[in-house]
């Protein structure tokens, strides 16, 4: 499964489109929210230094970063987490 990365009008947000994945219903998670983040994918993404918000809907994940964080290393880390997630999802679907 592929991951397409798209810039957004917000320079601190990137949209990661995951072919074949569906997030239904849409969910939004923020660092420091009152209730614990129980979604494992969102929790992993929010654990990355510089990430403060994760939005999952339809076939994409939007990740927001703090302005001081650089996209290059952060995007690589996000893509690695998403690849692992897609691989686990594919394995689970085959079982």
PDB file of N, CA and C in Angstrom:
ATOM      1  N   UNK A   1       0.846  -1.187   0.000  1.00  0.00           N
ATOM      2  CA  UNK A   1       0.000   0.000   0.000  1.00  0.00           C
ATOM      3  C   UNK A   1       0.883   1.239   0.000  1.00  0.00           C
ATOM      4  N   UNK A   2       0.430   2.244  -0.695  1.00  0.00           N
ATOM      5  CA  UNK A   2       1.250   3.432  -0.861  1.00  0.00           C
ATOM      6  C   UNK A   2       0.830   4.557   0.086  1.00  0.00           C
ATOM      7  N   UNK A   3       1.768   5.475   0.283  1.00  0.00           N
ATOM      8  CA  UNK A   3       1.525   6.681   1.069  1.00  0.00           C
ATOM      9  C   UNK A   3       1.879   7.855   0.172  1.00  0.00           C
ATOM     10  N   UNK A   4       0.906   8.727  -0.063  1.00  0.00           N
ATOM     11  CA  UNK A   4       1.154   9.951  -0.821  1.00  0.00           C
ATOM     12  C   UNK A   4       1.181  11.100   0.175  1.00  0.00           C
ATOM     13  N   UNK A   5       2.165  11.978   0.049  1.00  0.00           N
ATOM     14  CA  UNK A   5       2.288  13.116   0.950  1.00  0.00           C
ATOM     15  C   UNK A   5       1.946  14.381   0.175  1.00  0.00           C
ATOM     16  N   UNK A   6       1.054  15.182   0.757  1.00  0.00           N
ATOM     17  CA  UNK A   6       0.617  16.422   0.115  1.00  0.00           C
ATOM     18  C   UNK A   6       0.837  17.598   1.051  1.00  0.00           C
ATOM     19  N   UNK A   7       1.356  18.676   0.491  1.00  0.00           N
ATOM     20  CA  UNK A   7       1.431  19.927   1.237  1.00  0.00           C
ATOM     21  C   UNK A   7       0.009  20.457   1.395  1.00  0.00           C
ATOM     22  N   UNK A   8      -0.204  21.281   2.395  1.00  0.00           N
ATOM     23  CA  UNK A   8      -1.507  21.907   2.610  1.00  0.00           C
ATOM     24  C   UNK A   8      -1.288  23.417   2.617  1.00  0.00           C
ATOM     25  N   UNK A   9      -2.361  24.191   2.597  1.00  0.00           N
ATOM     26  CA  UNK A   9      -2.185  25.651   2.701  1.00  0.00           C
ATOM     27  C   UNK A   9      -1.475  26.066   3.998  1.00  0.00           C
ATOM     28  N   UNK A  10      -1.573  25.232   5.027  1.00  0.00           N
ATOM     29  CA  UNK A  10      -0.894  25.493   6.287  1.00  0.00           C
ATOM     30  C   UNK A  10       0.512  24.894   6.195  1.00  0.00           C
ATOM     31  N   UNK A  11       1.576  25.696   6.271  1.00  0.00           N
ATOM     32  CA  UNK A  11       2.930  25.146   6.149  1.00  0.00           C
ATOM     33  C   UNK A  11       3.306  24.206   7.298  1.00  0.00           C
ATOM     34  N   UNK A  12       2.522  24.203   8.367  1.00  0.00           N
ATOM     35  CA  UNK A  12       2.787  23.333   9.509  1.00  0.00           C
ATOM     36  C   UNK A  12       1.914  22.077   9.503  1.00  0.00           C
ATOM     37  N   UNK A  13       1.288  21.780   8.365  1.00  0.00           N
ATOM     38  CA  UNK A  13       0.440  20.592   8.245  1.00  0.00           C
ATOM     39  C   UNK A  13       0.768  19.867   6.945  1.00  0.00           C
ATOM     40  N   UNK A  14       0.770  18.546   7.028  1.00  0.00           N
ATOM     41  CA  UNK A  14       0.941  17.708   5.843  1.00  0.00           C
ATOM     42  C   UNK A  14      -0.163  16.658   5.855  1.00  0.00           C
ATOM     43  N   UNK A  15      -0.632  16.335   4.659  1.00  0.00           N
ATOM     44  CA  UNK A  15      -1.672  15.326   4.479  1.00  0.00           C
ATOM     45  C   UNK A  15      -1.022  14.065   3.923  1.00  0.00           C
ATOM     46  N   UNK A  16      -1.224  12.948   4.616  1.00  0.00           N
ATOM     47  CA  UNK A  16      -0.670  11.663   4.225  1.00  0.00           C
ATOM     48  C   UNK A  16      -1.839  10.784   3.774  1.00  0.00           C
ATOM     49  N   UNK A  17      -1.922  10.525   2.467  1.00  0.00           N
ATOM     50  CA  UNK A  17      -3.014   9.733   1.903  1.00  0.00           C
ATOM     51  C   UNK A  17      -2.566   8.271   1.890  1.00  0.00           C
ATOM     52  N   UNK A  18      -3.408   7.415   2.483  1.00  0.00           N
ATOM     53  CA  UNK A  18      -3.100   5.989   2.607  1.00  0.00           C
ATOM     54  C   UNK A  18      -4.043   5.200   1.711  1.00  0.00           C
ATOM     55  N   UNK A  19      -3.552   4.772   0.578  1.00  0.00           N
ATOM     56  CA  UNK A  19      -4.370   4.020  -0.370  1.00  0.00           C
ATOM     57  C   UNK A  19      -4.890   2.749   0.284  1.00  0.00           C
ATOM     58  N   UNK A  20      -6.176   2.516   0.177  1.00  0.00           N
ATOM     59  CA  UNK A  20      -6.777   1.291   0.689  1.00  0.00           C
ATOM     60  C   UNK A  20      -7.149   1.332   2.162  1.00  0.00           C
ATOM     61  N   UNK A  21      -6.876   2.429   2.852  1.00  0.00           N
ATOM     62  CA  UNK A  21      -7.204   2.544   4.279  1.00  0.00           C
ATOM     63  C   UNK A  21      -8.403   3.467   4.448  1.00  0.00           C
ATOM     64  N   UNK A  22      -9.281   3.136   5.385  1.00  0.00           N
ATOM     65  CA  UNK A  22     -10.440   4.000   5.671  1.00  0.00           C
ATOM     66  C   UNK A  22     -10.502   4.283   7.161  1.00  0.00           C
ATOM     67  N   UNK A  23     -10.616   5.556   7.505  1.00  0.00           N
ATOM     68  CA  UNK A  23     -10.835   5.975   8.889  1.00  0.00           C
ATOM     69  C   UNK A  23     -12.267   6.485   8.968  1.00  0.00           C
ATOM     70  N   UNK A  24     -13.107   5.727   9.610  1.00  0.00           N
ATOM     71  CA  UNK A  24     -14.520   6.081   9.696  1.00  0.00           C
ATOM     72  C   UNK A  24     -15.006   5.726  11.095  1.00  0.00           C
ATOM     73  N   UNK A  25     -15.440   6.654  11.868  1.00  0.00           N
ATOM     74  CA  UNK A  25     -15.647   8.074  11.569  1.00  0.00           C
ATOM     75  C   UNK A  25     -14.338   8.859  11.673  1.00  0.00           C
ATOM     76  N   UNK A  26     -14.403  10.118  11.238  1.00  0.00           N
ATOM     77  CA  UNK A  26     -13.249  11.007  11.358  1.00  0.00           C
ATOM     78  C   UNK A  26     -12.936  11.218  12.834  1.00  0.00           C
ATOM     79  N   UNK A  27     -11.637  11.310  13.133  1.00  0.00           N
ATOM     80  CA  UNK A  27     -11.222  11.509  14.525  1.00  0.00           C
ATOM     81  C   UNK A  27     -10.097  12.536  14.569  1.00  0.00           C
ATOM     82  N   UNK A  28     -10.107  13.337  15.631  1.00  0.00           N
ATOM     83  CA  UNK A  28      -9.080  14.347  15.832  1.00  0.00           C
ATOM     84  C   UNK A  28      -8.449  14.148  17.199  1.00  0.00           C
ATOM     85  N   UNK A  29      -7.120  14.211  17.259  1.00  0.00           N
ATOM     86  CA  UNK A  29      -6.392  14.010  18.507  1.00  0.00           C
ATOM     87  C   UNK A  29      -5.374  15.136  18.661  1.00  0.00           C
ATOM     88  N   UNK A  30      -5.247  15.638  19.885  1.00  0.00           N
ATOM     89  CA  UNK A  30      -4.295  16.711  20.155  1.00  0.00           C
ATOM     90  C   UNK A  30      -3.403  16.341  21.316  1.00  0.00           C
ATOM     91  N   UNK A  31      -2.158  16.776  21.245  1.00  0.00           N
ATOM     92  CA  UNK A  31      -1.235  16.581  22.358  1.00  0.00           C
ATOM     93  C   UNK A  31      -1.766  17.378  23.548  1.00  0.00           C
ATOM     94  N   UNK A  32      -1.722  16.777  24.696  1.00  0.00           N
ATOM     95  CA  UNK A  32      -2.160  17.459  25.907  1.00  0.00           C
ATOM     96  C   UNK A  32      -3.661  17.491  26.108  1.00  0.00           C
ATOM     97  N   UNK A  33      -4.423  16.739  25.314  1.00  0.00           N
ATOM     98  CA  UNK A  33      -5.874  16.726  25.509  1.00  0.00           C
ATOM     99  C   UNK A  33      -6.199  16.072  26.848  1.00  0.00           C
ATOM    100  N   UNK A  34      -7.347  16.401  27.396  1.00  0.00           N
ATOM    101  CA  UNK A  34      -7.725  15.950  28.739  1.00  0.00           C
ATOM    102  C   UNK A  34      -7.790  14.427  28.852  1.00  0.00           C
ATOM    103  N   UNK A  35      -8.430  13.774  27.905  1.00  0.00           N
ATOM    104  CA  UNK A  35      -8.552  12.316  27.958  1.00  0.00           C
ATOM    105  C   UNK A  35      -7.363  11.670  27.243  1.00  0.00           C
ATOM    106  N   UNK A  36      -6.966  10.483  27.677  1.00  0.00           N
ATOM    107  CA  UNK A  36      -5.833   9.808  27.026  1.00  0.00           C
ATOM    108  C   UNK A  36      -6.165   9.420  25.590  1.00  0.00           C
ATOM    109  N   UNK A  37      -5.159   9.412  24.753  1.00  0.00           N
ATOM    110  CA  UNK A  37      -5.323   9.020  23.350  1.00  0.00           C
ATOM    111  C   UNK A  37      -5.291   7.496  23.306  1.00  0.00           C
ATOM    112  N   UNK A  38      -6.433   6.903  22.999  1.00  0.00           N
ATOM    113  CA  UNK A  38      -6.542   5.447  22.994  1.00  0.00           C
ATOM    114  C   UNK A  38      -6.305   4.834  21.623  1.00  0.00           C
ATOM    115  N   UNK A  39      -6.266   5.644  20.587  1.00  0.00           N
ATOM    116  CA  UNK A  39      -5.978   5.125  19.256  1.00  0.00           C
ATOM    117  C   UNK A  39      -4.470   4.927  19.135  1.00  0.00           C
ATOM    118  N   UNK A  40      -4.009   3.693  18.883  1.00  0.00           N
ATOM    119  CA  UNK A  40      -2.563   3.441  18.861  1.00  0.00           C
ATOM    120  C   UNK A  40      -1.814   4.219  17.783  1.00  0.00           C
ATOM    121  N   UNK A  41      -2.410   4.385  16.606  1.00  0.00           N
ATOM    122  CA  UNK A  41      -1.741   5.128  15.541  1.00  0.00           C
ATOM    123  C   UNK A  41      -1.589   6.592  15.935  1.00  0.00           C
ATOM    124  N   UNK A  42      -2.664   7.202  16.398  1.00  0.00           N
ATOM    125  CA  UNK A  42      -2.607   8.604  16.813  1.00  0.00           C
ATOM    126  C   UNK A  42      -1.613   8.787  17.955  1.00  0.00           C
ATOM    127  N   UNK A  43      -1.587   7.866  18.901  1.00  0.00           N
ATOM    128  CA  UNK A  43      -0.667   7.963  20.036  1.00  0.00           C
ATOM    129  C   UNK A  43       0.786   7.926  19.559  1.00  0.00           C
ATOM    130  N   UNK A  44       1.095   7.054  18.605  1.00  0.00           N
ATOM    131  CA  UNK A  44       2.463   6.984  18.078  1.00  0.00           C
ATOM    132  C   UNK A  44       2.856   8.277  17.370  1.00  0.00           C
ATOM    133  N   UNK A  45       1.932   8.822  16.585  1.00  0.00           N
ATOM    134  CA  UNK A  45       2.230  10.062  15.862  1.00  0.00           C
ATOM    135  C   UNK A  45       2.392  11.237  16.821  1.00  0.00           C
ATOM    136  N   UNK A  46       1.523  11.317  17.824  1.00  0.00           N
ATOM    137  CA  UNK A  46       1.622  12.411  18.795  1.00  0.00           C
ATOM    138  C   UNK A  46       2.870  12.297  19.665  1.00  0.00           C
ATOM    139  N   UNK A  47       3.443  11.108  19.762  1.00  0.00           N
ATOM    140  CA  UNK A  47       4.667  10.923  20.549  1.00  0.00           C
ATOM    141  C   UNK A  47       5.899  11.483  19.835  1.00  0.00           C
ATOM    142  N   UNK A  48       5.785  11.771  18.544  1.00  0.00           N
ATOM    143  CA  UNK A  48       6.906  12.357  17.813  1.00  0.00           C
ATOM    144  C   UNK A  48       7.121  13.790  18.270  1.00  0.00           C
ATOM    145  N   UNK A  49       8.368  14.140  18.503  1.00  0.00           N
ATOM    146  CA  UNK A  49       8.681  15.492  18.954  1.00  0.00           C
ATOM    147  C   UNK A  49       8.281  16.500  17.882  1.00  0.00           C
ATOM    148  N   UNK A  50       7.490  17.472  18.271  1.00  0.00           N
ATOM    149  CA  UNK A  50       7.049  18.521  17.352  1.00  0.00           C
ATOM    150  C   UNK A  50       5.639  18.349  16.837  1.00  0.00           C
ATOM    151  N   UNK A  51       5.039  17.172  16.979  1.00  0.00           N
ATOM    152  CA  UNK A  51       3.669  16.943  16.511  1.00  0.00           C
ATOM    153  C   UNK A  51       2.701  17.335  17.623  1.00  0.00           C
ATOM    154  N   UNK A  52       1.700  18.163  17.271  1.00  0.00           N
ATOM    155  CA  UNK A  52       0.715  18.559  18.286  1.00  0.00           C
ATOM    156  C   UNK A  52      -0.723  18.189  17.928  1.00  0.00           C
ATOM    157  N   UNK A  53      -0.978  17.760  16.683  1.00  0.00           N
ATOM    158  CA  UNK A  53      -2.339  17.404  16.308  1.00  0.00           C
ATOM    159  C   UNK A  53      -2.315  16.360  15.197  1.00  0.00           C
ATOM    160  N   UNK A  54      -3.271  15.420  15.276  1.00  0.00           N
ATOM    161  CA  UNK A  54      -3.432  14.373  14.266  1.00  0.00           C
ATOM    162  C   UNK A  54      -4.919  14.278  13.945  1.00  0.00           C
ATOM    163  N   UNK A  55      -5.235  14.368  12.662  1.00  0.00           N
ATOM    164  CA  UNK A  55      -6.615  14.242  12.195  1.00  0.00           C
ATOM    165  C   UNK A  55      -6.670  13.076  11.225  1.00  0.00           C
ATOM    166  N   UNK A  56      -7.567  12.120  11.483  1.00  0.00           N
ATOM    167  CA  UNK A  56      -7.703  10.937  10.629  1.00  0.00           C
ATOM    168  C   UNK A  56      -9.128  10.899  10.082  1.00  0.00           C
ATOM    169  N   UNK A  57      -9.241  10.861   8.760  1.00  0.00           N
ATOM    170  CA  UNK A  57     -10.567  10.820   8.125  1.00  0.00           C
ATOM    171  C   UNK A  57     -10.426  10.184   6.746  1.00  0.00           C
ATOM    172  N   UNK A  58     -11.495   9.545   6.317  1.00  0.00           N
ATOM    173  CA  UNK A  58     -11.541   8.911   5.000  1.00  0.00           C
ATOM    174  C   UNK A  58     -10.294   8.080   4.764  1.00  0.00           C
ATOM    175  N   UNK A  59      -9.453   8.469   3.810  1.00  0.00           N
ATOM    176  CA  UNK A  59      -8.249   7.693   3.492  1.00  0.00           C
ATOM    177  C   UNK A  59      -6.966   8.475   3.774  1.00  0.00           C
ATOM    178  N   UNK A  60      -7.022   9.416   4.709  1.00  0.00           N
ATOM    179  CA  UNK A  60      -5.838  10.228   4.970  1.00  0.00           C
ATOM    180  C   UNK A  60      -5.655  10.551   6.450  1.00  0.00           C
ATOM    181  N   UNK A  61      -4.419  10.937   6.763  1.00  0.00           N
ATOM    182  CA  UNK A  61      -4.041  11.419   8.092  1.00  0.00           C
ATOM    183  C   UNK A  61      -3.376  12.772   7.885  1.00  0.00           C
ATOM    184  N   UNK A  62      -3.854  13.784   8.586  1.00  0.00           N
ATOM    185  CA  UNK A  62      -3.197  15.085   8.555  1.00  0.00           C
ATOM    186  C   UNK A  62      -2.444  15.254   9.863  1.00  0.00           C
ATOM    187  N   UNK A  63      -1.177  15.604   9.746  1.00  0.00           N
ATOM    188  CA  UNK A  63      -0.317  15.797  10.907  1.00  0.00           C
ATOM    189  C   UNK A  63       0.056  17.278  10.966  1.00  0.00           C
ATOM    190  N   UNK A  64      -0.142  17.886  12.137  1.00  0.00           N
ATOM    191  CA  UNK A  64       0.249  19.273  12.373  1.00  0.00           C
ATOM    192  C   UNK A  64       1.471  19.289  13.286  1.00  0.00           C
ATOM    193  N   UNK A  65       2.421  20.153  12.955  1.00  0.00           N
ATOM    194  CA  UNK A  65       3.636  20.284  13.747  1.00  0.00           C
ATOM    195  C   UNK A  65       3.759  21.705  14.299  1.00  0.00           C
ATOM    196  N   UNK A  66       4.588  21.860  15.312  1.00  0.00           N
ATOM    197  CA  UNK A  66       4.897  23.196  15.820  1.00  0.00           C
ATOM    198  C   UNK A  66       5.790  23.882  14.793  1.00  0.00           C
ATOM    199  N   UNK A  67       5.726  25.218  14.693  1.00  0.00           N
ATOM    200  CA  UNK A  67       6.505  25.918  13.668  1.00  0.00           C
ATOM    201  C   UNK A  67       8.014  25.670  13.732  1.00  0.00           C
ATOM    202  N   UNK A  68       8.571  25.440  14.903  1.00  0.00           N
ATOM    203  CA  UNK A  68      10.019  25.256  15.030  1.00  0.00           C
ATOM    204  C   UNK A  68      10.503  23.893  14.520  1.00  0.00           C
ATOM    205  N   UNK A  69       9.623  22.930  14.394  1.00  0.00           N
ATOM    206  CA  UNK A  69      10.010  21.584  13.942  1.00  0.00           C
ATOM    207  C   UNK A  69      10.234  21.584  12.433  1.00  0.00           C
ATOM    208  N   UNK A  70      11.254  20.855  11.998  1.00  0.00           N
ATOM    209  CA  UNK A  70      11.580  20.734  10.574  1.00  0.00           C
ATOM    210  C   UNK A  70      10.795  19.577   9.970  1.00  0.00           C
ATOM    211  N   UNK A  71      10.275  19.771   8.749  1.00  0.00           N
ATOM    212  CA  UNK A  71       9.474  18.725   8.117  1.00  0.00           C
ATOM    213  C   UNK A  71      10.295  17.510   7.691  1.00  0.00           C
ATOM    214  N   UNK A  72      11.510  17.710   7.198  1.00  0.00           N
ATOM    215  CA  UNK A  72      12.241  16.587   6.613  1.00  0.00           C
ATOM    216  C   UNK A  72      12.366  15.389   7.563  1.00  0.00           C
ATOM    217  N   UNK A  73      12.936  15.553   8.764  1.00  0.00           N
ATOM    218  CA  UNK A  73      13.024  14.377   9.650  1.00  0.00           C
ATOM    219  C   UNK A  73      11.663  13.943  10.185  1.00  0.00           C
ATOM    220  N   UNK A  74      10.788  14.903  10.406  1.00  0.00           N
ATOM    221  CA  UNK A  74       9.471  14.574  10.951  1.00  0.00           C
ATOM    222  C   UNK A  74       8.651  13.787   9.933  1.00  0.00           C
ATOM    223  N   UNK A  75       8.675  14.206   8.678  1.00  0.00           N
ATOM    224  CA  UNK A  75       7.926  13.489   7.643  1.00  0.00           C
ATOM    225  C   UNK A  75       8.437  12.064   7.504  1.00  0.00           C
ATOM    226  N   UNK A  76       9.745  11.866   7.565  1.00  0.00           N
ATOM    227  CA  UNK A  76      10.309  10.514   7.465  1.00  0.00           C
ATOM    228  C   UNK A  76       9.815   9.645   8.618  1.00  0.00           C
ATOM    229  N   UNK A  77       9.761  10.207   9.820  1.00  0.00           N
ATOM    230  CA  UNK A  77       9.287   9.454  10.988  1.00  0.00           C
ATOM    231  C   UNK A  77       7.803   9.130  10.859  1.00  0.00           C
ATOM    232  N   UNK A  78       7.005  10.092  10.386  1.00  0.00           N
ATOM    233  CA  UNK A  78       5.564   9.863  10.194  1.00  0.00           C
ATOM    234  C   UNK A  78       5.356   8.757   9.160  1.00  0.00           C
ATOM    235  N   UNK A  79       6.066   8.828   8.054  1.00  0.00           N
ATOM    236  CA  UNK A  79       5.912   7.809   7.016  1.00  0.00           C
ATOM    237  C   UNK A  79       6.305   6.426   7.523  1.00  0.00           C
ATOM    238  N   UNK A  80       7.340   6.330   8.337  1.00  0.00           N
ATOM    239  CA  UNK A  80       7.749   5.034   8.900  1.00  0.00           C
ATOM    240  C   UNK A  80       6.642   4.461   9.781  1.00  0.00           C
ATOM    241  N   UNK A  81       6.046   5.297  10.616  1.00  0.00           N
ATOM    242  CA  UNK A  81       4.943   4.837  11.476  1.00  0.00           C
ATOM    243  C   UNK A  81       3.761   4.397  10.624  1.00  0.00           C
ATOM    244  N   UNK A  82       3.439   5.175   9.599  1.00  0.00           N
ATOM    245  CA  UNK A  82       2.303   4.831   8.740  1.00  0.00           C
ATOM    246  C   UNK A  82       2.565   3.546   7.947  1.00  0.00           C
ATOM    247  N   UNK A  83       3.794   3.342   7.479  1.00  0.00           N
ATOM    248  CA  UNK A  83       4.129   2.091   6.770  1.00  0.00           C
ATOM    249  C   UNK A  83       3.940   0.887   7.689  1.00  0.00           C
ATOM    250  N   UNK A  84       4.405   1.003   8.931  1.00  0.00           N
ATOM    251  CA  UNK A  84       4.217  -0.083   9.898  1.00  0.00           C
ATOM    252  C   UNK A  84       2.735  -0.340  10.147  1.00  0.00           C
ATOM    253  N   UNK A  85       1.965   0.735  10.281  1.00  0.00           N
ATOM    254  CA  UNK A  85       0.523   0.618  10.499  1.00  0.00           C
ATOM    255  C   UNK A  85      -0.141  -0.101   9.327  1.00  0.00           C
ATOM    256  N   UNK A  86       0.209   0.296   8.102  1.00  0.00           N
ATOM    257  CA  UNK A  86      -0.376  -0.337   6.917  1.00  0.00           C
ATOM    258  C   UNK A  86       0.023  -1.804   6.819  1.00  0.00           C
ATOM    259  N   UNK A  87       1.268  -2.123   7.141  1.00  0.00           N
ATOM    260  CA  UNK A  87       1.723  -3.513   7.104  1.00  0.00           C
ATOM    261  C   UNK A  87       0.975  -4.352   8.135  1.00  0.00           C
ATOM    262  N   UNK A  88       0.784  -3.826   9.334  1.00  0.00           N
ATOM    263  CA  UNK A  88       0.037  -4.545  10.368  1.00  0.00           C
ATOM    264  C   UNK A  88      -1.413  -4.712   9.964  1.00  0.00           C
ATOM    265  N   UNK A  89      -2.002  -3.678   9.362  1.00  0.00           N
ATOM    266  CA  UNK A  89      -3.394  -3.759   8.917  1.00  0.00           C
ATOM    267  C   UNK A  89      -3.556  -4.822   7.839  1.00  0.00           C
ATOM    268  N   UNK A  90      -2.605  -4.892   6.924  1.00  0.00           N
ATOM    269  CA  UNK A  90      -2.654  -5.883   5.843  1.00  0.00           C
ATOM    270  C   UNK A  90      -2.519  -7.291   6.408  1.00  0.00           C
ATOM    271  N   UNK A  91      -1.637  -7.461   7.389  1.00  0.00           N
ATOM    272  CA  UNK A  91      -1.453  -8.784   8.010  1.00  0.00           C
ATOM    273  C   UNK A  91      -2.714  -9.199   8.750  1.00  0.00           C
ATOM    274  N   UNK A  92      -3.318  -8.287   9.482  1.00  0.00           N
ATOM    275  CA  UNK A  92      -4.540  -8.565  10.223  1.00  0.00           C
ATOM    276  C   UNK A  92      -5.689  -8.932   9.271  1.00  0.00           C
ATOM    277  N   UNK A  93      -5.770  -8.228   8.139  1.00  0.00           N
ATOM    278  CA  UNK A  93      -6.835  -8.488   7.169  1.00  0.00           C
ATOM    279  C   UNK A  93      -6.702  -9.878   6.542  1.00  0.00           C
ATOM    280  N   UNK A  94      -5.461 -10.360   6.407  1.00  0.00           N
ATOM    281  CA  UNK A  94      -5.258 -11.685   5.801  1.00  0.00           C
ATOM    282  C   UNK A  94      -5.524 -12.818   6.779  1.00  0.00           C
ATOM    283  N   UNK A  95      -5.470 -12.529   8.064  1.00  0.00           N
ATOM    284  CA  UNK A  95      -5.665 -13.600   9.076  1.00  0.00           C
ATOM    285  C   UNK A  95      -7.105 -13.942   9.273  1.00  0.00           C
TER     286      UNK A  95
END
